[in-house]
Amino acid sequence: MIWHVFRQYQDGQDLGRHGLRWINQQERVTIILTTHDMDDIEELCERIIFINVGNIIYDGPLQTLKSRYATHKEIEISYERPVAVPAAYAPLLLEQDRSSCTFRVPRPEVAAMVPRLLELGRARDVTIHEPRLEDVVKIIYSTATDQIESWGIRWYGNIASANSIPTKPG
């Protein structure tokens, strides 16, 4: 069914995100994307499956993925004047440039940290950023790679080498 629908719309047309969404809704078919374009994923996908070395390492909703693996948010504050960041906040400081600071704060602490960070100086602008999907993917694959290497598998470019591969993780 997917191939049939795709062939109908393929003749010289760029489906794009809008076209794929329309086909999905109108034809009531599942569309499988294999892409590295995280913008496509965020706009089109409700469910995501990550496969690493033939193993499914995540299968579920995009929002669950973000909440499970993206444990921090970034708080970006532009102050009217340069500010001195107290030593207690230094571990959270990602970047400081003239009168702007970006802090990486654990999700559960964001609401409590914003007023504290605003006490450092008069703010011109405050932005709270969700982690980019690219960063979440890096976390997932680094976690999966660490797990796989704990099984005795080593990576050489795109080739895996192992003395013995366990039948079950763990």
Protein backbone atom coordinates (compact mmCIF):
# COMPACT_ATOMS: atom_id res chain seq x y z
CA MET A 1 0.00 0.00 0.00
CA ILE A 2 2.79 2.45 0.83
CA TRP A 3 4.51 1.87 -2.52
CA HIS A 4 1.23 2.31 -4.41
CA VAL A 5 0.50 5.65 -2.74
CA PHE A 6 4.08 6.83 -3.18
CA ARG A 7 4.06 5.94 -6.88
CA GLN A 8 0.88 7.97 -7.41
CA TYR A 9 2.56 11.13 -6.10
CA GLN A 10 6.11 10.46 -7.26
CA ASP A 11 5.85 11.57 -10.89
CA GLY A 12 8.09 14.65 -10.85
CA GLN A 13 6.65 16.02 -7.63
CA ASP A 14 8.56 16.83 -4.49
CA LEU A 15 6.33 15.48 -1.76
CA GLY A 16 7.92 17.51 1.00
CA ARG A 17 6.66 17.48 4.57
CA HIS A 18 3.23 18.80 3.67
CA GLY A 19 2.75 16.16 0.99
CA LEU A 20 3.83 13.32 3.26
CA ARG A 21 1.49 14.49 6.02
CA TRP A 22 -1.38 14.78 3.52
CA ILE A 23 -0.77 11.27 2.15
CA ASN A 24 -0.61 9.90 5.69
CA GLN A 25 -3.92 11.51 6.65
CA GLN A 26 -5.85 11.10 3.39
CA GLU A 27 -4.74 7.61 2.44
CA ARG A 28 -4.50 6.38 6.05
CA VAL A 29 -1.15 4.69 5.48
CA THR A 30 1.99 4.41 7.51
CA ILE A 31 4.98 6.24 6.11
CA ILE A 32 8.44 5.05 7.08
CA LEU A 33 11.15 7.70 6.94
CA THR A 34 14.82 6.89 6.95
CA THR A 35 16.39 10.29 7.43
CA HIS A 36 19.05 12.23 9.24
CA ASP A 37 17.04 15.45 8.91
CA MET A 38 15.90 16.05 12.47
CA ASP A 39 13.54 18.83 11.36
CA ASP A 40 11.64 16.28 9.25
CA ILE A 41 11.43 13.96 12.24
CA GLU A 42 10.18 16.64 14.62
CA GLU A 43 7.56 17.90 12.19
CA LEU A 44 6.27 14.61 10.80
CA CYS A 45 6.76 11.86 13.35
CA GLU A 46 4.72 10.96 16.38
CA ARG A 47 6.53 7.65 16.83
CA ILE A 48 10.26 7.10 16.46
CA ILE A 49 12.29 3.92 16.24
CA PHE A 50 16.08 4.00 16.62
CA ILE A 51 18.04 0.99 15.44
CA ASN A 52 21.69 0.52 16.39
CA VAL A 53 23.66 -2.49 15.15
CA GLY A 54 20.40 -4.23 14.26
CA ASN A 55 18.92 -3.72 17.73
CA ILE A 56 15.96 -1.47 18.48
CA ILE A 57 17.23 0.89 21.15
CA TYR A 58 14.13 3.09 21.28
CA ASP A 59 10.56 2.68 20.03
CA GLY A 60 8.00 5.20 21.17
CA PRO A 61 6.63 8.74 21.05
CA LEU A 62 8.90 11.71 20.30
CA GLN A 63 7.89 13.53 23.49
CA THR A 64 8.69 10.50 25.65
CA LEU A 65 12.05 10.26 23.93
CA LYS A 66 12.85 13.85 24.81
CA SER A 67 11.69 13.60 28.40
CA ARG A 68 13.60 10.35 28.97
CA TYR A 69 16.92 11.36 27.43
CA ALA A 70 16.91 15.16 27.47
CA THR A 71 17.25 15.74 31.17
CA HIS A 72 18.21 19.44 30.90
CA LYS A 73 17.01 22.67 29.32
CA GLU A 74 19.06 25.70 28.39
CA ILE A 75 18.19 29.08 29.87
CA GLU A 76 19.56 31.96 27.84
CA ILE A 77 19.45 35.40 29.44
CA SER A 78 20.52 38.70 27.90
CA TYR A 79 21.25 41.18 30.65
CA GLU A 80 21.45 44.96 30.24
CA ARG A 81 25.03 44.88 31.56
CA PRO A 82 27.66 42.19 32.08
CA VAL A 83 27.03 40.13 35.22
CA ALA A 84 29.23 38.24 37.62
CA VAL A 85 28.13 34.61 37.80
CA PRO A 86 28.40 33.30 41.36
CA ALA A 87 30.58 30.23 41.90
CA ALA A 88 27.47 28.23 42.85
CA TYR A 89 26.07 28.74 39.34
CA ALA A 90 29.37 28.22 37.49
CA PRO A 91 28.78 24.48 36.89
CA LEU A 92 25.54 25.38 35.08
CA LEU A 93 27.14 28.04 32.89
CA LEU A 94 27.56 26.89 29.28
CA GLU A 95 28.47 30.20 27.70
CA GLN A 96 29.00 33.78 28.71
CA ASP A 97 29.50 36.54 26.15
CA ARG A 98 29.49 40.17 27.23
CA SER A 99 26.07 40.56 28.78
CA SER A 100 24.54 37.22 27.74
CA CYS A 101 24.67 33.95 29.64
CA THR A 102 23.46 30.47 28.79
CA PHE A 103 22.89 27.97 31.58
CA ARG A 104 22.23 24.23 31.34
CA VAL A 105 19.72 23.38 34.05
CA PRO A 106 18.09 20.04 34.98
CA ARG A 107 14.44 20.02 33.89
CA PRO A 108 12.95 19.77 37.39
CA GLU A 109 14.95 22.84 38.52
CA VAL A 110 14.19 25.21 35.62
CA ALA A 111 11.21 26.98 37.26
CA ALA A 112 13.17 27.58 40.47
CA MET A 113 16.37 28.68 38.70
CA VAL A 114 14.89 31.35 36.42
CA PRO A 115 14.11 33.82 39.25
CA ARG A 116 17.55 33.21 40.80
CA LEU A 117 19.28 33.89 37.50
CA LEU A 118 17.21 37.03 36.99
CA GLU A 119 18.53 38.35 40.33
CA LEU A 120 22.02 38.54 38.78
CA GLY A 121 21.05 41.67 36.83
CA ARG A 122 18.33 43.42 34.92
CA ALA A 123 17.32 41.19 31.99
CA ARG A 124 16.55 42.33 28.45
CA ASP A 125 15.41 38.89 27.27
CA VAL A 126 14.97 35.35 28.59
CA THR A 127 14.65 32.24 26.44
CA ILE A 128 14.26 28.66 27.61
CA HIS A 129 15.34 26.16 24.98
CA GLU A 130 14.30 22.56 24.67
CA PRO A 131 17.26 20.38 23.72
CA ARG A 132 17.68 19.94 19.98
CA LEU A 133 16.69 16.53 18.72
CA GLU A 134 20.24 16.13 17.35
CA ASP A 135 21.57 16.36 20.90
CA VAL A 136 19.05 13.83 22.17
CA VAL A 137 20.06 11.42 19.40
CA LYS A 138 23.74 11.81 20.36
CA ILE A 139 22.86 10.90 23.95
CA ILE A 140 20.89 7.83 22.84
CA TYR A 141 23.61 6.51 20.55
CA SER A 142 26.43 7.20 23.02
CA THR A 143 24.46 5.31 25.66
CA ALA A 144 23.84 2.44 23.24
CA THR A 145 27.48 2.39 22.15
CA ASP A 146 28.63 2.28 25.80
CA GLN A 147 26.26 -0.64 26.42
CA ILE A 148 27.43 -2.49 23.31
CA GLU A 149 31.09 -1.93 24.22
CA SER A 150 30.37 -3.30 27.69
CA TRP A 151 29.44 -6.54 25.91
CA GLY A 152 32.94 -6.70 24.42
CA ILE A 153 32.13 -5.25 21.00
CA ARG A 154 34.53 -2.60 19.65
CA TRP A 155 33.91 -0.20 16.76
CA TYR A 156 36.30 0.37 13.87
CA GLY A 157 34.62 2.90 11.61
CA ASN A 158 31.43 1.15 10.52
CA ILE A 159 32.67 -2.34 11.43
CA ALA A 160 32.07 -4.02 14.77
CA SER A 161 34.45 -6.60 16.17
CA ALA A 162 33.79 -8.90 19.09
CA ASN A 163 35.31 -11.89 20.81
CA SER A 164 31.86 -13.12 21.72
CA ILE A 165 28.48 -11.50 21.35
CA PRO A 166 26.06 -12.23 24.18
CA THR A 167 22.65 -13.58 23.35
CA LYS A 168 21.00 -11.20 25.81
CA PRO A 169 22.06 -7.75 27.00
CA GLY A 170 22.86 -7.43 30.61
